[in-house]
């Protein structure tokens, strides 16, 4: 019996991207294994970054101060993500907004917090 619809072509782009990502991950893991310093110690501290509304003189109201260590910055990001997760959970329960959209946002916030927390926990464990 002859097929009416041919098989779709193999997606070489996806295979190429996967190969590039694997190669990059292996290179990063090797650098981390060879490094004597913990990962968070090798990251630079923060620079000045302003954000938020502007006041009457066109100055931003909020800023991330320069010189904060990567570990301390990640700890604050984790706390902010906990708050965002709790708020989005409350909105999901009480709003008429499409639950799928809010649920997707909740999962994204949870995943972001998990990555940050995993980085912090991984940095606390001395390399073997």
PDB file of N, CA and C in Angstrom:
ATOM      1  N   UNK A   1       0.838  -1.174   0.000  1.00  0.00           N
ATOM      2  CA  UNK A   1       0.000   0.000   0.000  1.00  0.00           C
ATOM      3  C   UNK A   1       0.886   1.241   0.000  1.00  0.00           C
ATOM      4  N   UNK A   2       0.583   2.162  -0.853  1.00  0.00           N
ATOM      5  CA  UNK A   2       1.367   3.381  -0.974  1.00  0.00           C
ATOM      6  C   UNK A   2       0.878   4.411   0.041  1.00  0.00           C
ATOM      7  N   UNK A   3       1.862   5.076   0.691  1.00  0.00           N
ATOM      8  CA  UNK A   3       1.509   6.107   1.675  1.00  0.00           C
ATOM      9  C   UNK A   3       0.998   7.345   0.956  1.00  0.00           C
ATOM     10  N   UNK A   4      -0.064   7.902   1.458  1.00  0.00           N
ATOM     11  CA  UNK A   4      -0.623   9.113   0.859  1.00  0.00           C
ATOM     12  C   UNK A   4       0.127  10.358   1.307  1.00  0.00           C
ATOM     13  N   UNK A   5       0.628  10.317   2.539  1.00  0.00           N
ATOM     14  CA  UNK A   5       1.341  11.475   3.082  1.00  0.00           C
ATOM     15  C   UNK A   5       2.777  11.049   3.371  1.00  0.00           C
ATOM     16  N   UNK A   6       3.750  11.739   2.795  1.00  0.00           N
ATOM     17  CA  UNK A   6       5.140  11.347   3.052  1.00  0.00           C
ATOM     18  C   UNK A   6       5.541  11.676   4.495  1.00  0.00           C
ATOM     19  N   UNK A   7       6.580  10.990   4.970  1.00  0.00           N
ATOM     20  CA  UNK A   7       7.110  11.288   6.296  1.00  0.00           C
ATOM     21  C   UNK A   7       7.656  12.708   6.307  1.00  0.00           C
ATOM     22  N   UNK A   8       7.508  13.405   7.421  1.00  0.00           N
ATOM     23  CA  UNK A   8       8.065  14.758   7.484  1.00  0.00           C
ATOM     24  C   UNK A   8       9.588  14.688   7.464  1.00  0.00           C
ATOM     25  N   UNK A   9      10.228  15.724   6.936  1.00  0.00           N
ATOM     26  CA  UNK A   9      11.694  15.710   6.904  1.00  0.00           C
ATOM     27  C   UNK A   9      12.251  15.764   8.328  1.00  0.00           C
ATOM     28  N   UNK A  10      13.422  15.188   8.491  1.00  0.00           N
ATOM     29  CA  UNK A  10      14.084  15.220   9.799  1.00  0.00           C
ATOM     30  C   UNK A  10      14.492  16.654  10.080  1.00  0.00           C
ATOM     31  N   UNK A  11      14.251  17.079  11.282  1.00  0.00           N
ATOM     32  CA  UNK A  11      14.543  18.455  11.654  1.00  0.00           C
ATOM     33  C   UNK A  11      16.019  18.572  12.043  1.00  0.00           C
ATOM     34  N   UNK A  12      16.858  18.890  11.055  1.00  0.00           N
ATOM     35  CA  UNK A  12      18.286  19.001  11.310  1.00  0.00           C
ATOM     36  C   UNK A  12      18.611  20.205  12.180  1.00  0.00           C
ATOM     37  N   UNK A  13      17.789  21.245  12.112  1.00  0.00           N
ATOM     38  CA  UNK A  13      18.033  22.428  12.928  1.00  0.00           C
ATOM     39  C   UNK A  13      17.961  22.074  14.404  1.00  0.00           C
ATOM     40  N   UNK A  14      16.949  21.326  14.807  1.00  0.00           N
ATOM     41  CA  UNK A  14      16.810  20.937  16.206  1.00  0.00           C
ATOM     42  C   UNK A  14      18.001  20.082  16.639  1.00  0.00           C
ATOM     43  N   UNK A  15      18.426  19.158  15.781  1.00  0.00           N
ATOM     44  CA  UNK A  15      19.571  18.311  16.109  1.00  0.00           C
ATOM     45  C   UNK A  15      20.837  19.144  16.254  1.00  0.00           C
ATOM     46  N   UNK A  16      21.010  20.122  15.373  1.00  0.00           N
ATOM     47  CA  UNK A  16      22.198  20.978  15.430  1.00  0.00           C
ATOM     48  C   UNK A  16      22.195  21.814  16.705  1.00  0.00           C
ATOM     49  N   UNK A  17      21.040  22.379  17.061  1.00  0.00           N
ATOM     50  CA  UNK A  17      20.938  23.175  18.285  1.00  0.00           C
ATOM     51  C   UNK A  17      21.207  22.309  19.504  1.00  0.00           C
ATOM     52  N   UNK A  18      20.654  21.102  19.521  1.00  0.00           N
ATOM     53  CA  UNK A  18      20.885  20.191  20.643  1.00  0.00           C
ATOM     54  C   UNK A  18      22.367  19.862  20.767  1.00  0.00           C
ATOM     55  N   UNK A  19      23.029  19.608  19.651  1.00  0.00           N
ATOM     56  CA  UNK A  19      24.462  19.304  19.680  1.00  0.00           C
ATOM     57  C   UNK A  19      25.263  20.489  20.206  1.00  0.00           C
ATOM     58  N   UNK A  20      24.916  21.694  19.776  1.00  0.00           N
ATOM     59  CA  UNK A  20      25.613  22.897  20.248  1.00  0.00           C
ATOM     60  C   UNK A  20      25.407  23.080  21.743  1.00  0.00           C
ATOM     61  N   UNK A  21      24.172  22.885  22.230  1.00  0.00           N
ATOM     62  CA  UNK A  21      23.897  23.028  23.658  1.00  0.00           C
ATOM     63  C   UNK A  21      24.651  21.987  24.478  1.00  0.00           C
ATOM     64  N   UNK A  22      24.700  20.744  23.991  1.00  0.00           N
ATOM     65  CA  UNK A  22      25.442  19.702  24.709  1.00  0.00           C
ATOM     66  C   UNK A  22      26.924  20.050  24.785  1.00  0.00           C
ATOM     67  N   UNK A  23      27.475  20.503  23.674  1.00  0.00           N
ATOM     68  CA  UNK A  23      28.890  20.867  23.635  1.00  0.00           C
ATOM     69  C   UNK A  23      29.177  22.023  24.595  1.00  0.00           C
ATOM     70  N   UNK A  24      28.303  23.018  24.602  1.00  0.00           N
ATOM     71  CA  UNK A  24      28.472  24.160  25.501  1.00  0.00           C
ATOM     72  C   UNK A  24      28.377  23.732  26.952  1.00  0.00           C
ATOM     73  N   UNK A  25      27.387  22.905  27.277  1.00  0.00           N
ATOM     74  CA  UNK A  25      27.239  22.423  28.654  1.00  0.00           C
ATOM     75  C   UNK A  25      28.453  21.629  29.101  1.00  0.00           C
ATOM     76  N   UNK A  26      28.980  20.774  28.225  1.00  0.00           N
ATOM     77  CA  UNK A  26      30.162  19.992  28.577  1.00  0.00           C
ATOM     78  C   UNK A  26      31.361  20.899  28.824  1.00  0.00           C
ATOM     79  N   UNK A  27      31.520  21.932  27.997  1.00  0.00           N
ATOM     80  CA  UNK A  27      32.631  22.865  28.188  1.00  0.00           C
ATOM     81  C   UNK A  27      32.491  23.614  29.514  1.00  0.00           C
ATOM     82  N   UNK A  28      31.274  24.059  29.836  1.00  0.00           N
ATOM     83  CA  UNK A  28      31.052  24.763  31.104  1.00  0.00           C
ATOM     84  C   UNK A  28      31.293  23.852  32.299  1.00  0.00           C
ATOM     85  N   UNK A  29      30.819  22.621  32.219  1.00  0.00           N
ATOM     86  CA  UNK A  29      31.041  21.675  33.312  1.00  0.00           C
ATOM     87  C   UNK A  29      32.523  21.402  33.511  1.00  0.00           C
ATOM     88  N   UNK A  30      33.276  21.311  32.421  1.00  0.00           N
ATOM     89  CA  UNK A  30      34.715  21.072  32.542  1.00  0.00           C
ATOM     90  C   UNK A  30      35.404  22.255  33.206  1.00  0.00           C
ATOM     91  N   UNK A  31      35.032  23.465  32.831  1.00  0.00           N
ATOM     92  CA  UNK A  31      35.607  24.659  33.459  1.00  0.00           C
ATOM     93  C   UNK A  31      35.282  24.681  34.944  1.00  0.00           C
ATOM     94  N   UNK A  32      34.043  24.325  35.293  1.00  0.00           N
ATOM     95  CA  UNK A  32      33.654  24.314  36.702  1.00  0.00           C
ATOM     96  C   UNK A  32      34.427  23.248  37.473  1.00  0.00           C
ATOM     97  N   UNK A  33      34.672  22.096  36.865  1.00  0.00           N
ATOM     98  CA  UNK A  33      35.437  21.040  37.534  1.00  0.00           C
ATOM     99  C   UNK A  33      36.882  21.472  37.744  1.00  0.00           C
ATOM    100  N   UNK A  34      37.444  22.176  36.755  1.00  0.00           N
ATOM    101  CA  UNK A  34      38.837  22.604  36.826  1.00  0.00           C
ATOM    102  C   UNK A  34      39.039  23.797  37.750  1.00  0.00           C
ATOM    103  N   UNK A  35      37.990  24.552  37.983  1.00  0.00           N
ATOM    104  CA  UNK A  35      38.090  25.764  38.797  1.00  0.00           C
ATOM    105  C   UNK A  35      38.232  25.406  40.265  1.00  0.00           C
ATOM    106  N   UNK A  36      39.100  26.110  40.940  1.00  0.00           N
ATOM    107  CA  UNK A  36      39.290  25.895  42.376  1.00  0.00           C
ATOM    108  C   UNK A  36      38.320  26.737  43.200  1.00  0.00           C
ATOM    109  N   UNK A  37      37.782  27.795  42.594  1.00  0.00           N
ATOM    110  CA  UNK A  37      36.871  28.678  43.318  1.00  0.00           C
ATOM    111  C   UNK A  37      35.439  28.207  43.169  1.00  0.00           C
ATOM    112  N   UNK A  38      34.625  28.372  44.216  1.00  0.00           N
ATOM    113  CA  UNK A  38      33.194  28.082  44.077  1.00  0.00           C
ATOM    114  C   UNK A  38      32.573  29.007  43.026  1.00  0.00           C
ATOM    115  N   UNK A  39      31.544  28.517  42.382  1.00  0.00           N
ATOM    116  CA  UNK A  39      30.930  29.245  41.273  1.00  0.00           C
ATOM    117  C   UNK A  39      30.485  30.645  41.670  1.00  0.00           C
ATOM    118  N   UNK A  40      29.796  30.787  42.800  1.00  0.00           N
ATOM    119  CA  UNK A  40      29.293  32.110  43.183  1.00  0.00           C
ATOM    120  C   UNK A  40      30.426  33.087  43.454  1.00  0.00           C
ATOM    121  N   UNK A  41      31.575  32.581  43.929  1.00  0.00           N
ATOM    122  CA  UNK A  41      32.717  33.467  44.158  1.00  0.00           C
ATOM    123  C   UNK A  41      33.324  33.945  42.847  1.00  0.00           C
ATOM    124  N   UNK A  42      33.125  33.190  41.781  1.00  0.00           N
ATOM    125  CA  UNK A  42      33.696  33.580  40.498  1.00  0.00           C
ATOM    126  C   UNK A  42      32.815  34.585  39.752  1.00  0.00           C
ATOM    127  N   UNK A  43      31.564  34.751  40.206  1.00  0.00           N
ATOM    128  CA  UNK A  43      30.669  35.717  39.566  1.00  0.00           C
ATOM    129  C   UNK A  43      30.975  37.121  40.070  1.00  0.00           C
ATOM    130  N   UNK A  44      30.843  38.114  39.203  1.00  0.00           N
ATOM    131  CA  UNK A  44      31.101  39.486  39.649  1.00  0.00           C
ATOM    132  C   UNK A  44      29.981  39.989  40.553  1.00  0.00           C
ATOM    133  N   UNK A  45      30.291  41.031  41.303  1.00  0.00           N
ATOM    134  CA  UNK A  45      29.247  41.661  42.115  1.00  0.00           C
ATOM    135  C   UNK A  45      28.377  42.530  41.207  1.00  0.00           C
ATOM    136  N   UNK A  46      27.285  43.011  41.766  1.00  0.00           N
ATOM    137  CA  UNK A  46      26.341  43.790  40.964  1.00  0.00           C
ATOM    138  C   UNK A  46      26.912  45.148  40.588  1.00  0.00           C
ATOM    139  N   UNK A  47      26.397  45.663  39.501  1.00  0.00           N
ATOM    140  CA  UNK A  47      26.647  47.039  39.118  1.00  0.00           C
ATOM    141  C   UNK A  47      25.404  47.851  39.455  1.00  0.00           C
ATOM    142  N   UNK A  48      25.461  49.146  39.285  1.00  0.00           N
ATOM    143  CA  UNK A  48      24.302  49.998  39.543  1.00  0.00           C
ATOM    144  C   UNK A  48      23.267  49.790  38.443  1.00  0.00           C
ATOM    145  N   UNK A  49      22.032  49.509  38.843  1.00  0.00           N
ATOM    146  CA  UNK A  49      20.935  49.330  37.882  1.00  0.00           C
ATOM    147  C   UNK A  49      19.693  49.989  38.452  1.00  0.00           C
ATOM    148  N   UNK A  50      19.235  51.052  37.809  1.00  0.00           N
ATOM    149  CA  UNK A  50      18.035  51.744  38.267  1.00  0.00           C
ATOM    150  C   UNK A  50      16.810  51.153  37.579  1.00  0.00           C
ATOM    151  N   UNK A  51      15.657  51.294  38.237  1.00  0.00           N
ATOM    152  CA  UNK A  51      14.414  50.781  37.667  1.00  0.00           C
ATOM    153  C   UNK A  51      13.241  51.475  38.335  1.00  0.00           C
ATOM    154  N   UNK A  52      12.071  51.265  37.786  1.00  0.00           N
ATOM    155  CA  UNK A  52      10.848  51.797  38.374  1.00  0.00           C
ATOM    156  C   UNK A  52      10.484  53.159  37.820  1.00  0.00           C
ATOM    157  N   UNK A  53       9.463  53.732  38.435  1.00  0.00           N
ATOM    158  CA  UNK A  53       8.937  55.029  38.008  1.00  0.00           C
ATOM    159  C   UNK A  53       9.963  56.130  38.235  1.00  0.00           C
ATOM    160  N   UNK A  54       9.793  57.213  37.508  1.00  0.00           N
ATOM    161  CA  UNK A  54      10.654  58.377  37.676  1.00  0.00           C
ATOM    162  C   UNK A  54       9.944  59.405  38.543  1.00  0.00           C
ATOM    163  N   UNK A  55      10.734  60.121  39.342  1.00  0.00           N
ATOM    164  CA  UNK A  55      10.143  61.169  40.169  1.00  0.00           C
ATOM    165  C   UNK A  55       9.968  62.440  39.339  1.00  0.00           C
ATOM    166  N   UNK A  56       9.590  63.528  39.977  1.00  0.00           N
ATOM    167  CA  UNK A  56       9.337  64.785  39.282  1.00  0.00           C
ATOM    168  C   UNK A  56      10.565  65.361  38.608  1.00  0.00           C
ATOM    169  N   UNK A  57      11.748  64.970  39.061  1.00  0.00           N
ATOM    170  CA  UNK A  57      12.989  65.467  38.462  1.00  0.00           C
ATOM    171  C   UNK A  57      13.606  64.452  37.506  1.00  0.00           C
ATOM    172  N   UNK A  58      12.814  63.484  37.095  1.00  0.00           N
ATOM    173  CA  UNK A  58      13.231  62.465  36.129  1.00  0.00           C
ATOM    174  C   UNK A  58      14.316  61.524  36.662  1.00  0.00           C
ATOM    175  N   UNK A  59      14.331  61.321  37.986  1.00  0.00           N
ATOM    176  CA  UNK A  59      15.252  60.364  38.594  1.00  0.00           C
ATOM    177  C   UNK A  59      14.489  59.088  38.932  1.00  0.00           C
ATOM    178  N   UNK A  60      15.109  57.925  38.725  1.00  0.00           N
ATOM    179  CA  UNK A  60      14.421  56.680  39.080  1.00  0.00           C
ATOM    180  C   UNK A  60      14.260  56.566  40.589  1.00  0.00           C
ATOM    181  N   UNK A  61      13.163  55.947  41.014  1.00  0.00           N
ATOM    182  CA  UNK A  61      12.890  55.814  42.442  1.00  0.00           C
ATOM    183  C   UNK A  61      13.646  54.659  43.086  1.00  0.00           C
ATOM    184  N   UNK A  62      13.996  53.644  42.315  1.00  0.00           N
ATOM    185  CA  UNK A  62      14.617  52.457  42.884  1.00  0.00           C
ATOM    186  C   UNK A  62      15.909  52.121  42.147  1.00  0.00           C
ATOM    187  N   UNK A  63      16.790  51.392  42.844  1.00  0.00           N
ATOM    188  CA  UNK A  63      18.046  50.975  42.220  1.00  0.00           C
ATOM    189  C   UNK A  63      18.602  49.746  42.925  1.00  0.00           C
ATOM    190  N   UNK A  64      19.303  48.932  42.157  1.00  0.00           N
ATOM    191  CA  UNK A  64      20.134  47.876  42.732  1.00  0.00           C
ATOM    192  C   UNK A  64      21.497  48.521  42.950  1.00  0.00           C
ATOM    193  N   UNK A  65      21.967  48.440  44.181  1.00  0.00           N
ATOM    194  CA  UNK A  65      23.246  49.078  44.496  1.00  0.00           C
ATOM    195  C   UNK A  65      24.415  48.287  43.910  1.00  0.00           C
ATOM    196  N   UNK A  66      25.484  48.977  43.571  1.00  0.00           N
ATOM    197  CA  UNK A  66      26.670  48.263  43.090  1.00  0.00           C
ATOM    198  C   UNK A  66      27.396  47.585  44.254  1.00  0.00           C
ATOM    199  N   UNK A  67      28.122  46.515  43.942  1.00  0.00           N
ATOM    200  CA  UNK A  67      28.965  45.861  44.932  1.00  0.00           C
ATOM    201  C   UNK A  67      28.299  44.766  45.743  1.00  0.00           C
ATOM    202  N   UNK A  68      27.060  44.387  45.413  1.00  0.00           N
ATOM    203  CA  UNK A  68      26.376  43.305  46.123  1.00  0.00           C
ATOM    204  C   UNK A  68      26.888  41.980  45.548  1.00  0.00           C
ATOM    205  N   UNK A  69      27.242  41.038  46.415  1.00  0.00           N
ATOM    206  CA  UNK A  69      27.761  39.756  45.934  1.00  0.00           C
ATOM    207  C   UNK A  69      26.680  38.993  45.172  1.00  0.00           C
ATOM    208  N   UNK A  70      27.128  38.097  44.298  1.00  0.00           N
ATOM    209  CA  UNK A  70      26.186  37.287  43.515  1.00  0.00           C
ATOM    210  C   UNK A  70      25.313  36.441  44.432  1.00  0.00           C
ATOM    211  N   UNK A  71      25.887  35.897  45.495  1.00  0.00           N
ATOM    212  CA  UNK A  71      25.102  35.066  46.409  1.00  0.00           C
ATOM    213  C   UNK A  71      23.996  35.874  47.072  1.00  0.00           C
ATOM    214  N   UNK A  72      24.335  37.062  47.558  1.00  0.00           N
ATOM    215  CA  UNK A  72      23.325  37.901  48.212  1.00  0.00           C
ATOM    216  C   UNK A  72      22.248  38.330  47.213  1.00  0.00           C
ATOM    217  N   UNK A  73      22.648  38.667  45.996  1.00  0.00           N
ATOM    218  CA  UNK A  73      21.673  39.055  44.971  1.00  0.00           C
ATOM    219  C   UNK A  73      20.731  37.893  44.654  1.00  0.00           C
ATOM    220  N   UNK A  74      21.275  36.682  44.542  1.00  0.00           N
ATOM    221  CA  UNK A  74      20.428  35.517  44.260  1.00  0.00           C
ATOM    222  C   UNK A  74      19.480  35.228  45.415  1.00  0.00           C
ATOM    223  N   UNK A  75      19.923  35.447  46.642  1.00  0.00           N
ATOM    224  CA  UNK A  75      19.035  35.243  47.796  1.00  0.00           C
ATOM    225  C   UNK A  75      17.838  36.196  47.726  1.00  0.00           C
ATOM    226  N   UNK A  76      18.092  37.441  47.351  1.00  0.00           N
ATOM    227  CA  UNK A  76      16.994  38.403  47.235  1.00  0.00           C
ATOM    228  C   UNK A  76      16.078  38.059  46.067  1.00  0.00           C
ATOM    229  N   UNK A  77      16.645  37.593  44.968  1.00  0.00           N
ATOM    230  CA  UNK A  77      15.818  37.163  43.834  1.00  0.00           C
ATOM    231  C   UNK A  77      14.905  36.026  44.267  1.00  0.00           C
ATOM    232  N   UNK A  78      15.440  35.092  45.037  1.00  0.00           N
ATOM    233  CA  UNK A  78      14.627  33.977  45.520  1.00  0.00           C
ATOM    234  C   UNK A  78      13.470  34.482  46.378  1.00  0.00           C
ATOM    235  N   UNK A  79      13.732  35.438  47.258  1.00  0.00           N
ATOM    236  CA  UNK A  79      12.665  36.007  48.094  1.00  0.00           C
ATOM    237  C   UNK A  79      11.609  36.714  47.246  1.00  0.00           C
ATOM    238  N   UNK A  80      12.054  37.461  46.241  1.00  0.00           N
ATOM    239  CA  UNK A  80      11.104  38.133  45.352  1.00  0.00           C
ATOM    240  C   UNK A  80      10.249  37.120  44.598  1.00  0.00           C
ATOM    241  N   UNK A  81      10.852  36.032  44.186  1.00  0.00           N
ATOM    242  CA  UNK A  81      10.103  35.003  43.465  1.00  0.00           C
ATOM    243  C   UNK A  81       9.114  34.277  44.370  1.00  0.00           C
ATOM    244  N   UNK A  82       9.453  34.111  45.646  1.00  0.00           N
ATOM    245  CA  UNK A  82       8.491  33.526  46.591  1.00  0.00           C
ATOM    246  C   UNK A  82       7.254  34.413  46.667  1.00  0.00           C
ATOM    247  N   UNK A  83       7.474  35.723  46.784  1.00  0.00           N
ATOM    248  CA  UNK A  83       6.354  36.658  46.830  1.00  0.00           C
ATOM    249  C   UNK A  83       5.524  36.611  45.561  1.00  0.00           C
ATOM    250  N   UNK A  84       6.192  36.574  44.406  1.00  0.00           N
ATOM    251  CA  UNK A  84       5.468  36.507  43.132  1.00  0.00           C
ATOM    252  C   UNK A  84       4.667  35.212  43.031  1.00  0.00           C
ATOM    253  N   UNK A  85       5.245  34.124  43.527  1.00  0.00           N
ATOM    254  CA  UNK A  85       4.544  32.833  43.500  1.00  0.00           C
ATOM    255  C   UNK A  85       3.294  32.874  44.372  1.00  0.00           C
ATOM    256  N   UNK A  86       3.413  33.441  45.568  1.00  0.00           N
ATOM    257  CA  UNK A  86       2.262  33.518  46.474  1.00  0.00           C
ATOM    258  C   UNK A  86       1.164  34.419  45.913  1.00  0.00           C
ATOM    259  N   UNK A  87       1.561  35.550  45.341  1.00  0.00           N
ATOM    260  CA  UNK A  87       0.580  36.465  44.745  1.00  0.00           C
ATOM    261  C   UNK A  87      -0.139  35.792  43.581  1.00  0.00           C
ATOM    262  N   UNK A  88       0.624  35.135  42.723  1.00  0.00           N
ATOM    263  CA  UNK A  88      -0.014  34.506  41.562  1.00  0.00           C
ATOM    264  C   UNK A  88      -0.925  33.353  41.979  1.00  0.00           C
ATOM    265  N   UNK A  89      -0.573  32.644  43.045  1.00  0.00           N
ATOM    266  CA  UNK A  89      -1.471  31.599  43.557  1.00  0.00           C
ATOM    267  C   UNK A  89      -2.792  32.199  44.026  1.00  0.00           C
ATOM    268  N   UNK A  90      -2.729  33.334  44.727  1.00  0.00           N
ATOM    269  CA  UNK A  90      -3.948  33.995  45.199  1.00  0.00           C
ATOM    270  C   UNK A  90      -4.786  34.489  44.029  1.00  0.00           C
ATOM    271  N   UNK A  91      -4.140  35.054  43.023  1.00  0.00           N
ATOM    272  CA  UNK A  91      -4.863  35.557  41.856  1.00  0.00           C
ATOM    273  C   UNK A  91      -5.553  34.405  41.135  1.00  0.00           C
ATOM    274  N   UNK A  92      -4.868  33.281  41.028  1.00  0.00           N
ATOM    275  CA  UNK A  92      -5.436  32.121  40.340  1.00  0.00           C
ATOM    276  C   UNK A  92      -6.730  31.678  40.995  1.00  0.00           C
ATOM    277  N   UNK A  93      -6.752  31.661  42.317  1.00  0.00           N
ATOM    278  CA  UNK A  93      -7.933  31.191  43.038  1.00  0.00           C
ATOM    279  C   UNK A  93      -9.102  32.164  42.962  1.00  0.00           C
ATOM    280  N   UNK A  94      -8.823  33.473  42.896  1.00  0.00           N
ATOM    281  CA  UNK A  94      -9.887  34.453  43.075  1.00  0.00           C
ATOM    282  C   UNK A  94     -10.293  35.213  41.818  1.00  0.00           C
ATOM    283  N   UNK A  95      -9.605  35.001  40.704  1.00  0.00           N
ATOM    284  CA  UNK A  95      -9.916  35.847  39.551  1.00  0.00           C
ATOM    285  C   UNK A  95     -10.710  35.097  38.497  1.00  0.00           C
ATOM    286  N   UNK A  96     -11.276  35.876  37.603  1.00  0.00           N
ATOM    287  CA  UNK A  96     -11.977  35.294  36.471  1.00  0.00           C
ATOM    288  C   UNK A  96     -11.074  35.201  35.253  1.00  0.00           C
ATOM    289  N   UNK A  97      -9.810  35.576  35.433  1.00  0.00           N
ATOM    290  CA  UNK A  97      -8.862  35.521  34.322  1.00  0.00           C
ATOM    291  C   UNK A  97      -8.624  34.060  33.965  1.00  0.00           C
ATOM    292  N   UNK A  98      -8.361  33.828  32.719  1.00  0.00           N
ATOM    293  CA  UNK A  98      -8.157  32.459  32.250  1.00  0.00           C
ATOM    294  C   UNK A  98      -7.114  31.748  33.107  1.00  0.00           C
ATOM    295  N   UNK A  99      -7.527  30.678  33.728  1.00  0.00           N
ATOM    296  CA  UNK A  99      -6.681  29.957  34.672  1.00  0.00           C
ATOM    297  C   UNK A  99      -5.416  29.405  34.021  1.00  0.00           C
ATOM    298  N   UNK A 100      -5.487  29.044  32.756  1.00  0.00           N
ATOM    299  CA  UNK A 100      -4.317  28.496  32.079  1.00  0.00           C
ATOM    300  C   UNK A 100      -3.178  29.489  31.993  1.00  0.00           C
ATOM    301  N   UNK A 101      -3.521  30.761  31.714  1.00  0.00           N
ATOM    302  CA  UNK A 101      -2.485  31.788  31.626  1.00  0.00           C
ATOM    303  C   UNK A 101      -1.830  32.028  32.974  1.00  0.00           C
ATOM    304  N   UNK A 102      -2.637  32.154  33.994  1.00  0.00           N
ATOM    305  CA  UNK A 102      -2.084  32.388  35.323  1.00  0.00           C
ATOM    306  C   UNK A 102      -1.324  31.155  35.794  1.00  0.00           C
ATOM    307  N   UNK A 103      -1.856  29.983  35.506  1.00  0.00           N
ATOM    308  CA  UNK A 103      -1.155  28.755  35.879  1.00  0.00           C
ATOM    309  C   UNK A 103       0.210  28.668  35.226  1.00  0.00           C
ATOM    310  N   UNK A 104       0.295  29.091  33.980  1.00  0.00           N
ATOM    311  CA  UNK A 104       1.575  29.109  33.282  1.00  0.00           C
ATOM    312  C   UNK A 104       2.544  30.075  33.952  1.00  0.00           C
ATOM    313  N   UNK A 105       2.034  31.236  34.367  1.00  0.00           N
ATOM    314  CA  UNK A 105       2.877  32.200  35.060  1.00  0.00           C
ATOM    315  C   UNK A 105       3.361  31.631  36.391  1.00  0.00           C
ATOM    316  N   UNK A 106       2.463  30.967  37.117  1.00  0.00           N
ATOM    317  CA  UNK A 106       2.832  30.363  38.403  1.00  0.00           C
ATOM    318  C   UNK A 106       3.958  29.361  38.190  1.00  0.00           C
ATOM    319  N   UNK A 107       3.828  28.490  37.193  1.00  0.00           N
ATOM    320  CA  UNK A 107       4.868  27.481  36.932  1.00  0.00           C
ATOM    321  C   UNK A 107       6.182  28.149  36.559  1.00  0.00           C
ATOM    322  N   UNK A 108       6.130  29.227  35.776  1.00  0.00           N
ATOM    323  CA  UNK A 108       7.355  29.925  35.383  1.00  0.00           C
ATOM    324  C   UNK A 108       8.064  30.513  36.593  1.00  0.00           C
ATOM    325  N   UNK A 109       7.298  31.120  37.486  1.00  0.00           N
ATOM    326  CA  UNK A 109       7.884  31.688  38.705  1.00  0.00           C
ATOM    327  C   UNK A 109       8.466  30.578  39.573  1.00  0.00           C
ATOM    328  N   UNK A 110       7.742  29.475  39.713  1.00  0.00           N
ATOM    329  CA  UNK A 110       8.246  28.347  40.510  1.00  0.00           C
ATOM    330  C   UNK A 110       9.547  27.805  39.935  1.00  0.00           C
ATOM    331  N   UNK A 111       9.610  27.679  38.609  1.00  0.00           N
ATOM    332  CA  UNK A 111      10.827  27.164  37.980  1.00  0.00           C
ATOM    333  C   UNK A 111      11.989  28.130  38.164  1.00  0.00           C
ATOM    334  N   UNK A 112      11.731  29.435  38.009  1.00  0.00           N
ATOM    335  CA  UNK A 112      12.791  30.420  38.194  1.00  0.00           C
ATOM    336  C   UNK A 112      13.329  30.372  39.616  1.00  0.00           C
ATOM    337  N   UNK A 113      12.433  30.264  40.592  1.00  0.00           N
ATOM    338  CA  UNK A 113      12.865  30.185  41.989  1.00  0.00           C
ATOM    339  C   UNK A 113      13.635  28.896  42.237  1.00  0.00           C
ATOM    340  N   UNK A 114      13.210  27.805  41.640  1.00  0.00           N
ATOM    341  CA  UNK A 114      13.915  26.534  41.809  1.00  0.00           C
ATOM    342  C   UNK A 114      15.338  26.616  41.264  1.00  0.00           C
ATOM    343  N   UNK A 115      15.510  27.283  40.126  1.00  0.00           N
ATOM    344  CA  UNK A 115      16.849  27.433  39.553  1.00  0.00           C
ATOM    345  C   UNK A 115      17.731  28.262  40.476  1.00  0.00           C
ATOM    346  N   UNK A 116      17.210  29.385  40.963  1.00  0.00           N
ATOM    347  CA  UNK A 116      17.985  30.238  41.867  1.00  0.00           C
ATOM    348  C   UNK A 116      18.337  29.484  43.143  1.00  0.00           C
ATOM    349  N   UNK A 117      17.354  28.814  43.743  1.00  0.00           N
ATOM    350  CA  UNK A 117      17.610  28.066  44.973  1.00  0.00           C
ATOM    351  C   UNK A 117      18.605  26.935  44.736  1.00  0.00           C
ATOM    352  N   UNK A 118      18.519  26.276  43.583  1.00  0.00           N
ATOM    353  CA  UNK A 118      19.464  25.202  43.269  1.00  0.00           C
ATOM    354  C   UNK A 118      20.879  25.745  43.125  1.00  0.00           C
ATOM    355  N   UNK A 119      21.015  26.931  42.533  1.00  0.00           N
ATOM    356  CA  UNK A 119      22.332  27.557  42.438  1.00  0.00           C
ATOM    357  C   UNK A 119      22.889  27.856  43.820  1.00  0.00           C
ATOM    358  N   UNK A 120      22.041  28.404  44.687  1.00  0.00           N
ATOM    359  CA  UNK A 120      22.492  28.727  46.044  1.00  0.00           C
ATOM    360  C   UNK A 120      22.854  27.464  46.820  1.00  0.00           C
ATOM    361  N   UNK A 121      22.034  26.434  46.714  1.00  0.00           N
ATOM    362  CA  UNK A 121      22.322  25.185  47.424  1.00  0.00           C
ATOM    363  C   UNK A 121      23.556  24.507  46.848  1.00  0.00           C
ATOM    364  N   UNK A 122      23.703  24.541  45.537  1.00  0.00           N
ATOM    365  CA  UNK A 122      24.874  23.940  44.907  1.00  0.00           C
ATOM    366  C   UNK A 122      26.157  24.648  45.276  1.00  0.00           C
ATOM    367  N   UNK A 123      26.077  25.966  45.457  1.00  0.00           N
ATOM    368  CA  UNK A 123      27.266  26.730  45.832  1.00  0.00           C
ATOM    369  C   UNK A 123      27.669  26.452  47.269  1.00  0.00           C
ATOM    370  N   UNK A 124      26.716  26.056  48.108  1.00  0.00           N
ATOM    371  CA  UNK A 124      27.017  25.797  49.514  1.00  0.00           C
ATOM    372  C   UNK A 124      27.708  24.453  49.703  1.00  0.00           C
ATOM    373  N   UNK A 125      27.574  23.553  48.737  1.00  0.00           N
ATOM    374  CA  UNK A 125      28.184  22.226  48.842  1.00  0.00           C
ATOM    375  C   UNK A 125      29.600  22.303  48.283  1.00  0.00           C
ATOM    376  N   UNK A 126      30.611  21.940  49.085  1.00  0.00           N
ATOM    377  CA  UNK A 126      31.976  21.987  48.557  1.00  0.00           C
ATOM    378  C   UNK A 126      32.155  20.970  47.427  1.00  0.00           C
ATOM    379  N   UNK A 127      32.941  21.340  46.390  1.00  0.00           N
ATOM    380  CA  UNK A 127      33.129  20.414  45.273  1.00  0.00           C
ATOM    381  C   UNK A 127      33.821  19.136  45.730  1.00  0.00           C
ATOM    382  N   UNK A 128      33.438  18.006  45.130  1.00  0.00           N
ATOM    383  CA  UNK A 128      34.014  16.711  45.517  1.00  0.00           C
ATOM    384  C   UNK A 128      35.356  16.483  44.874  1.00  0.00           C
TER     385      UNK A 128
END
